[in-house]
Amino acid sequence: QKNDAGLQLNVKRYVEFFAPLAKKLKAAGKTI
């Protein structure tokens, strides 16, 4: 999907993937 829909999919999926990690690091007082 090398198009706008593909780009949007990339961003959404990576945010979903990153969210649990980001929350745990912030809870530990980390700068992220």
PDB file of all heavy atoms in Angstrom:
ATOM      1  N   GLN A   1       0.841  -1.196   0.000  1.00  0.00           N
ATOM      2  CA  GLN A   1       0.000   0.000   0.000  1.00  0.00           C
ATOM      3  C   GLN A   1       0.877   1.248   0.000  1.00  0.00           C
ATOM      4  O   GLN A   1       0.928   1.987   0.972  1.00  0.00           O
ATOM      5  CB  GLN A   1      -0.921   0.025   1.227  1.00  0.00           C
ATOM      6  CG  GLN A   1      -1.914  -1.110   1.278  1.00  0.00           C
ATOM      7  CD  GLN A   1      -2.820  -0.972   2.490  1.00  0.00           C
ATOM      8  OE1 GLN A   1      -3.284   0.111   2.816  1.00  0.00           O
ATOM      9  NE2 GLN A   1      -3.067  -2.077   3.164  1.00  0.00           N
ATOM     10  N   LYS A   2       1.594   1.468  -1.064  1.00  0.00           N
ATOM     11  CA  LYS A   2       2.474   2.630  -1.129  1.00  0.00           C
ATOM     12  C   LYS A   2       1.655   3.837  -1.588  1.00  0.00           C
ATOM     13  O   LYS A   2       1.752   4.309  -2.711  1.00  0.00           O
ATOM     14  CB  LYS A   2       3.641   2.376  -2.072  1.00  0.00           C
ATOM     15  CG  LYS A   2       4.771   3.380  -1.893  1.00  0.00           C
ATOM     16  CD  LYS A   2       6.034   2.904  -2.557  1.00  0.00           C
ATOM     17  CE  LYS A   2       7.185   3.852  -2.238  1.00  0.00           C
ATOM     18  NZ  LYS A   2       8.447   3.412  -2.829  1.00  0.00           N
ATOM     19  N   ASN A   3       0.823   4.326  -0.679  1.00  0.00           N
ATOM     20  CA  ASN A   3      -0.078   5.434  -0.960  1.00  0.00           C
ATOM     21  C   ASN A   3      -0.438   6.100   0.358  1.00  0.00           C
ATOM     22  O   ASN A   3       0.086   5.730   1.418  1.00  0.00           O
ATOM     23  CB  ASN A   3      -1.328   4.927  -1.690  1.00  0.00           C
ATOM     24  CG  ASN A   3      -1.959   3.743  -0.975  1.00  0.00           C
ATOM     25  OD1 ASN A   3      -1.964   3.682   0.256  1.00  0.00           O
ATOM     26  ND2 ASN A   3      -2.461   2.786  -1.744  1.00  0.00           N
ATOM     27  N   ASP A   4      -1.330   7.093   0.312  1.00  0.00           N
ATOM     28  CA  ASP A   4      -1.695   7.809   1.532  1.00  0.00           C
ATOM     29  C   ASP A   4      -2.302   6.880   2.576  1.00  0.00           C
ATOM     30  O   ASP A   4      -2.024   7.003   3.770  1.00  0.00           O
ATOM     31  CB  ASP A   4      -2.681   8.932   1.203  1.00  0.00           C
ATOM     32  CG  ASP A   4      -2.014  10.082   0.467  1.00  0.00           C
ATOM     33  OD1 ASP A   4      -0.766  10.121   0.451  1.00  0.00           O
ATOM     34  OD2 ASP A   4      -2.726  10.934  -0.081  1.00  0.00           O
ATOM     35  N   ALA A   5      -3.121   5.941   2.111  1.00  0.00           N
ATOM     36  CA  ALA A   5      -3.734   5.004   3.050  1.00  0.00           C
ATOM     37  C   ALA A   5      -2.665   4.160   3.737  1.00  0.00           C
ATOM     38  O   ALA A   5      -2.755   3.866   4.935  1.00  0.00           O
ATOM     39  CB  ALA A   5      -4.737   4.121   2.330  1.00  0.00           C
ATOM     40  N   GLY A   6      -1.643   3.781   2.982  1.00  0.00           N
ATOM     41  CA  GLY A   6      -0.555   3.008   3.561  1.00  0.00           C
ATOM     42  C   GLY A   6       0.212   3.801   4.599  1.00  0.00           C
ATOM     43  O   GLY A   6       0.562   3.290   5.666  1.00  0.00           O
ATOM     44  N   LEU A   7       0.480   5.054   4.307  1.00  0.00           N
ATOM     45  CA  LEU A   7       1.182   5.915   5.266  1.00  0.00           C
ATOM     46  C   LEU A   7       0.374   6.067   6.547  1.00  0.00           C
ATOM     47  O   LEU A   7       0.911   6.004   7.658  1.00  0.00           O
ATOM     48  CB  LEU A   7       1.427   7.293   4.642  1.00  0.00           C
ATOM     49  CG  LEU A   7       2.475   7.375   3.530  1.00  0.00           C
ATOM     50  CD1 LEU A   7       2.420   8.737   2.848  1.00  0.00           C
ATOM     51  CD2 LEU A   7       3.867   7.143   4.085  1.00  0.00           C
ATOM     52  N   GLN A   8      -0.913   6.293   6.413  1.00  0.00           N
ATOM     53  CA  GLN A   8      -1.772   6.460   7.593  1.00  0.00           C
ATOM     54  C   GLN A   8      -1.829   5.174   8.409  1.00  0.00           C
ATOM     55  O   GLN A   8      -1.808   5.211   9.649  1.00  0.00           O
ATOM     56  CB  GLN A   8      -3.168   6.899   7.149  1.00  0.00           C
ATOM     57  CG  GLN A   8      -3.181   8.294   6.542  1.00  0.00           C
ATOM     58  CD  GLN A   8      -4.457   8.595   5.787  1.00  0.00           C
ATOM     59  OE1 GLN A   8      -5.449   7.864   5.903  1.00  0.00           O
ATOM     60  NE2 GLN A   8      -4.451   9.664   5.008  1.00  0.00           N
ATOM     61  N   LEU A   9      -1.883   4.037   7.710  1.00  0.00           N
ATOM     62  CA  LEU A   9      -1.863   2.755   8.411  1.00  0.00           C
ATOM     63  C   LEU A   9      -0.583   2.603   9.209  1.00  0.00           C
ATOM     64  O   LEU A   9      -0.603   2.160  10.366  1.00  0.00           O
ATOM     65  CB  LEU A   9      -1.987   1.613   7.394  1.00  0.00           C
ATOM     66  CG  LEU A   9      -1.755   0.190   7.945  1.00  0.00           C
ATOM     67  CD1 LEU A   9      -2.825  -0.176   8.960  1.00  0.00           C
ATOM     68  CD2 LEU A   9      -1.714  -0.823   6.809  1.00  0.00           C
ATOM     69  N   ASN A  10       0.547   2.969   8.609  1.00  0.00           N
ATOM     70  CA  ASN A  10       1.831   2.866   9.302  1.00  0.00           C
ATOM     71  C   ASN A  10       1.809   3.632  10.610  1.00  0.00           C
ATOM     72  O   ASN A  10       2.202   3.122  11.668  1.00  0.00           O
ATOM     73  CB  ASN A  10       2.954   3.428   8.427  1.00  0.00           C
ATOM     74  CG  ASN A  10       3.131   2.663   7.142  1.00  0.00           C
ATOM     75  OD1 ASN A  10       2.675   1.538   7.015  1.00  0.00           O
ATOM     76  ND2 ASN A  10       3.792   3.279   6.190  1.00  0.00           N
ATOM     77  N   VAL A  11       1.372   4.898  10.545  1.00  0.00           N
ATOM     78  CA  VAL A  11       1.391   5.742  11.734  1.00  0.00           C
ATOM     79  C   VAL A  11       0.463   5.186  12.806  1.00  0.00           C
ATOM     80  O   VAL A  11       0.840   5.086  13.986  1.00  0.00           O
ATOM     81  CB  VAL A  11       1.000   7.188  11.357  1.00  0.00           C
ATOM     82  CG1 VAL A  11       0.800   8.036  12.608  1.00  0.00           C
ATOM     83  CG2 VAL A  11       2.072   7.817  10.464  1.00  0.00           C
ATOM     84  N   LYS A  12      -0.732   4.790  12.434  1.00  0.00           N
ATOM     85  CA  LYS A  12      -1.691   4.292  13.426  1.00  0.00           C
ATOM     86  C   LYS A  12      -1.190   3.014  14.089  1.00  0.00           C
ATOM     87  O   LYS A  12      -1.286   2.854  15.312  1.00  0.00           O
ATOM     88  CB  LYS A  12      -3.042   4.045  12.751  1.00  0.00           C
ATOM     89  CG  LYS A  12      -3.761   5.331  12.344  1.00  0.00           C
ATOM     90  CD  LYS A  12      -5.089   5.029  11.653  1.00  0.00           C
ATOM     91  CE  LYS A  12      -5.801   6.311  11.254  1.00  0.00           C
ATOM     92  NZ  LYS A  12      -7.097   6.034  10.578  1.00  0.00           N
ATOM     93  N   ARG A  13      -0.654   2.079  13.278  1.00  0.00           N
ATOM     94  CA  ARG A  13      -0.181   0.831  13.850  1.00  0.00           C
ATOM     95  C   ARG A  13       1.014   1.049  14.778  1.00  0.00           C
ATOM     96  O   ARG A  13       1.115   0.429  15.836  1.00  0.00           O
ATOM     97  CB  ARG A  13       0.215  -0.144  12.726  1.00  0.00           C
ATOM     98  CG  ARG A  13      -0.963  -0.864  12.095  1.00  0.00           C
ATOM     99  CD  ARG A  13      -1.581  -1.892  13.042  1.00  0.00           C
ATOM    100  NE  ARG A  13      -0.621  -2.860  13.521  1.00  0.00           N
ATOM    101  CZ  ARG A  13      -0.252  -3.957  12.851  1.00  0.00           C
ATOM    102  NH1 ARG A  13      -0.777  -4.216  11.681  1.00  0.00           N
ATOM    103  NH2 ARG A  13       0.618  -4.784  13.353  1.00  0.00           N
ATOM    104  N   TYR A  14       1.908   1.935  14.394  1.00  0.00           N
ATOM    105  CA  TYR A  14       3.068   2.177  15.248  1.00  0.00           C
ATOM    106  C   TYR A  14       2.674   2.860  16.555  1.00  0.00           C
ATOM    107  O   TYR A  14       3.266   2.602  17.601  1.00  0.00           O
ATOM    108  CB  TYR A  14       4.137   2.989  14.507  1.00  0.00           C
ATOM    109  CG  TYR A  14       5.175   2.106  13.875  1.00  0.00           C
ATOM    110  CD1 TYR A  14       5.125   1.798  12.521  1.00  0.00           C
ATOM    111  CD2 TYR A  14       6.199   1.555  14.627  1.00  0.00           C
ATOM    112  CE1 TYR A  14       6.077   0.974  11.942  1.00  0.00           C
ATOM    113  CE2 TYR A  14       7.156   0.729  14.061  1.00  0.00           C
ATOM    114  CZ  TYR A  14       7.085   0.447  12.714  1.00  0.00           C
ATOM    115  OH  TYR A  14       8.020  -0.381  12.154  1.00  0.00           O
ATOM    116  N   VAL A  15       1.682   3.732  16.507  1.00  0.00           N
ATOM    117  CA  VAL A  15       1.219   4.340  17.757  1.00  0.00           C
ATOM    118  C   VAL A  15       0.601   3.282  18.662  1.00  0.00           C
ATOM    119  O   VAL A  15       0.848   3.258  19.875  1.00  0.00           O
ATOM    120  CB  VAL A  15       0.215   5.482  17.467  1.00  0.00           C
ATOM    121  CG1 VAL A  15      -0.432   5.954  18.768  1.00  0.00           C
ATOM    122  CG2 VAL A  15       0.919   6.645  16.784  1.00  0.00           C
ATOM    123  N   GLU A  16      -0.193   2.394  18.104  1.00  0.00           N
ATOM    124  CA  GLU A  16      -0.775   1.301  18.897  1.00  0.00           C
ATOM    125  C   GLU A  16       0.328   0.447  19.541  1.00  0.00           C
ATOM    126  O   GLU A  16       0.239   0.045  20.701  1.00  0.00           O
ATOM    127  CB  GLU A  16      -1.650   0.424  18.011  1.00  0.00           C
ATOM    128  CG  GLU A  16      -2.929   1.092  17.529  1.00  0.00           C
ATOM    129  CD  GLU A  16      -3.668   0.237  16.513  1.00  0.00           C
ATOM    130  OE1 GLU A  16      -3.201  -0.893  16.238  1.00  0.00           O
ATOM    131  OE2 GLU A  16      -4.708   0.695  15.992  1.00  0.00           O
ATOM    132  N   PHE A  17       1.363   0.198  18.760  1.00  0.00           N
ATOM    133  CA  PHE A  17       2.478  -0.609  19.241  1.00  0.00           C
ATOM    134  C   PHE A  17       3.255   0.103  20.342  1.00  0.00           C
ATOM    135  O   PHE A  17       3.680  -0.502  21.331  1.00  0.00           O
ATOM    136  CB  PHE A  17       3.376  -0.946  18.047  1.00  0.00           C
ATOM    137  CG  PHE A  17       4.686  -1.591  18.416  1.00  0.00           C
ATOM    138  CD1 PHE A  17       4.721  -2.816  19.053  1.00  0.00           C
ATOM    139  CD2 PHE A  17       5.884  -0.980  18.105  1.00  0.00           C
ATOM    140  CE1 PHE A  17       5.918  -3.429  19.377  1.00  0.00           C
ATOM    141  CE2 PHE A  17       7.084  -1.576  18.426  1.00  0.00           C
ATOM    142  CZ  PHE A  17       7.106  -2.804  19.066  1.00  0.00           C
ATOM    143  N   PHE A  18       3.429   1.418  20.165  1.00  0.00           N
ATOM    144  CA  PHE A  18       4.252   2.214  21.080  1.00  0.00           C
ATOM    145  C   PHE A  18       3.522   2.543  22.373  1.00  0.00           C
ATOM    146  O   PHE A  18       4.151   2.728  23.416  1.00  0.00           O
ATOM    147  CB  PHE A  18       4.648   3.500  20.349  1.00  0.00           C
ATOM    148  CG  PHE A  18       5.442   4.482  21.164  1.00  0.00           C
ATOM    149  CD1 PHE A  18       6.619   4.113  21.788  1.00  0.00           C
ATOM    150  CD2 PHE A  18       5.023   5.801  21.283  1.00  0.00           C
ATOM    151  CE1 PHE A  18       7.366   5.024  22.515  1.00  0.00           C
ATOM    152  CE2 PHE A  18       5.759   6.715  22.010  1.00  0.00           C
ATOM    153  CZ  PHE A  18       6.936   6.332  22.630  1.00  0.00           C
ATOM    154  N   ALA A  19       2.199   2.638  22.342  1.00  0.00           N
ATOM    155  CA  ALA A  19       1.432   3.162  23.471  1.00  0.00           C
ATOM    156  C   ALA A  19       1.736   2.461  24.796  1.00  0.00           C
ATOM    157  O   ALA A  19       2.015   3.139  25.802  1.00  0.00           O
ATOM    158  CB  ALA A  19      -0.062   3.115  23.152  1.00  0.00           C
ATOM    159  N   PRO A  20       1.709   1.139  24.878  1.00  0.00           N
ATOM    160  CA  PRO A  20       1.974   0.496  26.181  1.00  0.00           C
ATOM    161  C   PRO A  20       3.371   0.793  26.708  1.00  0.00           C
ATOM    162  O   PRO A  20       3.558   1.005  27.913  1.00  0.00           O
ATOM    163  CB  PRO A  20       1.800  -1.002  25.880  1.00  0.00           C
ATOM    164  CG  PRO A  20       0.975  -1.059  24.654  1.00  0.00           C
ATOM    165  CD  PRO A  20       1.357   0.138  23.852  1.00  0.00           C
ATOM    166  N   LEU A  21       4.355   0.824  25.818  1.00  0.00           N
ATOM    167  CA  LEU A  21       5.724   1.117  26.232  1.00  0.00           C
ATOM    168  C   LEU A  21       5.831   2.551  26.748  1.00  0.00           C
ATOM    169  O   LEU A  21       6.443   2.806  27.794  1.00  0.00           O
ATOM    170  CB  LEU A  21       6.682   0.898  25.063  1.00  0.00           C
ATOM    171  CG  LEU A  21       8.152   1.240  25.311  1.00  0.00           C
ATOM    172  CD1 LEU A  21       8.735   0.414  26.440  1.00  0.00           C
ATOM    173  CD2 LEU A  21       8.963   1.048  24.034  1.00  0.00           C
ATOM    174  N   ALA A  22       5.256   3.503  26.013  1.00  0.00           N
ATOM    175  CA  ALA A  22       5.322   4.905  26.414  1.00  0.00           C
ATOM    176  C   ALA A  22       4.690   5.114  27.788  1.00  0.00           C
ATOM    177  O   ALA A  22       5.234   5.832  28.644  1.00  0.00           O
ATOM    178  CB  ALA A  22       4.613   5.765  25.371  1.00  0.00           C
ATOM    179  N   LYS A  23       3.561   4.476  28.027  1.00  0.00           N
ATOM    180  CA  LYS A  23       2.876   4.646  29.316  1.00  0.00           C
ATOM    181  C   LYS A  23       3.717   4.108  30.462  1.00  0.00           C
ATOM    182  O   LYS A  23       3.788   4.711  31.540  1.00  0.00           O
ATOM    183  CB  LYS A  23       1.521   3.939  29.262  1.00  0.00           C
ATOM    184  CG  LYS A  23       0.517   4.593  28.329  1.00  0.00           C
ATOM    185  CD  LYS A  23      -0.753   3.770  28.226  1.00  0.00           C
ATOM    186  CE  LYS A  23      -1.731   4.371  27.226  1.00  0.00           C
ATOM    187  NZ  LYS A  23      -2.939   3.530  27.061  1.00  0.00           N
ATOM    188  N   LYS A  24       4.368   2.983  30.245  1.00  0.00           N
ATOM    189  CA  LYS A  24       5.196   2.398  31.307  1.00  0.00           C
ATOM    190  C   LYS A  24       6.417   3.268  31.605  1.00  0.00           C
ATOM    191  O   LYS A  24       6.809   3.444  32.760  1.00  0.00           O
ATOM    192  CB  LYS A  24       5.612   0.983  30.925  1.00  0.00           C
ATOM    193  CG  LYS A  24       4.460  -0.017  30.890  1.00  0.00           C
ATOM    194  CD  LYS A  24       4.916  -1.391  30.456  1.00  0.00           C
ATOM    195  CE  LYS A  24       3.716  -2.340  30.293  1.00  0.00           C
ATOM    196  NZ  LYS A  24       3.020  -2.575  31.576  1.00  0.00           N
ATOM    197  N   LEU A  25       7.021   3.816  30.565  1.00  0.00           N
ATOM    198  CA  LEU A  25       8.185   4.672  30.775  1.00  0.00           C
ATOM    199  C   LEU A  25       7.801   5.974  31.476  1.00  0.00           C
ATOM    200  O   LEU A  25       8.527   6.461  32.346  1.00  0.00           O
ATOM    201  CB  LEU A  25       8.866   4.960  29.432  1.00  0.00           C
ATOM    202  CG  LEU A  25       9.588   3.771  28.790  1.00  0.00           C
ATOM    203  CD1 LEU A  25      10.089   4.134  27.393  1.00  0.00           C
ATOM    204  CD2 LEU A  25      10.744   3.284  29.662  1.00  0.00           C
ATOM    205  N   LYS A  26       6.680   6.573  31.079  1.00  0.00           N
ATOM    206  CA  LYS A  26       6.247   7.807  31.734  1.00  0.00           C
ATOM    207  C   LYS A  26       5.909   7.534  33.196  1.00  0.00           C
ATOM    208  O   LYS A  26       6.205   8.345  34.076  1.00  0.00           O
ATOM    209  CB  LYS A  26       5.030   8.400  31.019  1.00  0.00           C
ATOM    210  CG  LYS A  26       5.332   9.062  29.696  1.00  0.00           C
ATOM    211  CD  LYS A  26       6.426  10.124  29.775  1.00  0.00           C
ATOM    212  CE  LYS A  26       6.021  11.332  30.604  1.00  0.00           C
ATOM    213  NZ  LYS A  26       7.106  12.354  30.625  1.00  0.00           N
ATOM    214  N   ALA A  27       5.285   6.398  33.471  1.00  0.00           N
ATOM    215  CA  ALA A  27       4.951   6.048  34.852  1.00  0.00           C
ATOM    216  C   ALA A  27       6.208   5.893  35.706  1.00  0.00           C
ATOM    217  O   ALA A  27       6.176   6.108  36.923  1.00  0.00           O
ATOM    218  CB  ALA A  27       4.129   4.756  34.886  1.00  0.00           C
ATOM    219  N   ALA A  28       7.313   5.534  35.049  1.00  0.00           N
ATOM    220  CA  ALA A  28       8.590   5.394  35.757  1.00  0.00           C
ATOM    221  C   ALA A  28       9.357   6.713  35.820  1.00  0.00           C
ATOM    222  O   ALA A  28      10.497   6.746  36.284  1.00  0.00           O
ATOM    223  CB  ALA A  28       9.440   4.330  35.078  1.00  0.00           C
ATOM    224  N   GLY A  29       8.749   7.780  35.333  1.00  0.00           N
ATOM    225  CA  GLY A  29       9.380   9.102  35.401  1.00  0.00           C
ATOM    226  C   GLY A  29      10.389   9.377  34.317  1.00  0.00           C
ATOM    227  O   GLY A  29      11.216  10.289  34.456  1.00  0.00           O
ATOM    228  N   LYS A  30      10.336   8.630  33.216  1.00  0.00           N
ATOM    229  CA  LYS A  30      11.304   8.811  32.140  1.00  0.00           C
ATOM    230  C   LYS A  30      10.873   9.927  31.189  1.00  0.00           C
ATOM    231  O   LYS A  30       9.690  10.184  30.987  1.00  0.00           O
ATOM    232  CB  LYS A  30      11.477   7.512  31.352  1.00  0.00           C
ATOM    233  CG  LYS A  30      11.997   6.355  32.188  1.00  0.00           C
ATOM    234  CD  LYS A  30      13.339   6.685  32.810  1.00  0.00           C
ATOM    235  CE  LYS A  30      13.827   5.591  33.718  1.00  0.00           C
ATOM    236  NZ  LYS A  30      15.091   5.955  34.398  1.00  0.00           N
ATOM    237  N   THR A  31      11.880  10.575  30.589  1.00  0.00           N
ATOM    238  CA  THR A  31      11.653  11.553  29.528  1.00  0.00           C
ATOM    239  C   THR A  31      11.656  10.803  28.206  1.00  0.00           C
ATOM    240  O   THR A  31      12.614  10.092  27.902  1.00  0.00           O
ATOM    241  CB  THR A  31      12.762  12.621  29.522  1.00  0.00           C
ATOM    242  OG1 THR A  31      12.765  13.276  30.783  1.00  0.00           O
ATOM    243  CG2 THR A  31      12.534  13.642  28.418  1.00  0.00           C
ATOM    244  N   ILE A  32      10.591  10.945  27.430  1.00  0.00           N
ATOM    245  CA  ILE A  32      10.496  10.142  26.217  1.00  0.00           C
ATOM    246  C   ILE A  32      10.058  10.984  25.026  1.00  0.00           C
ATOM    247  O   ILE A  32       9.457  12.052  25.158  1.00  0.00           O
ATOM    248  CB  ILE A  32       9.517   8.961  26.381  1.00  0.00           C
ATOM    249  CG1 ILE A  32       8.098   9.468  26.667  1.00  0.00           C
ATOM    250  CG2 ILE A  32       9.987   8.008  27.459  1.00  0.00           C
ATOM    251  CD1 ILE A  32       7.045   8.387  26.572  1.00  0.00           C
TER     252      ILE A  32
END
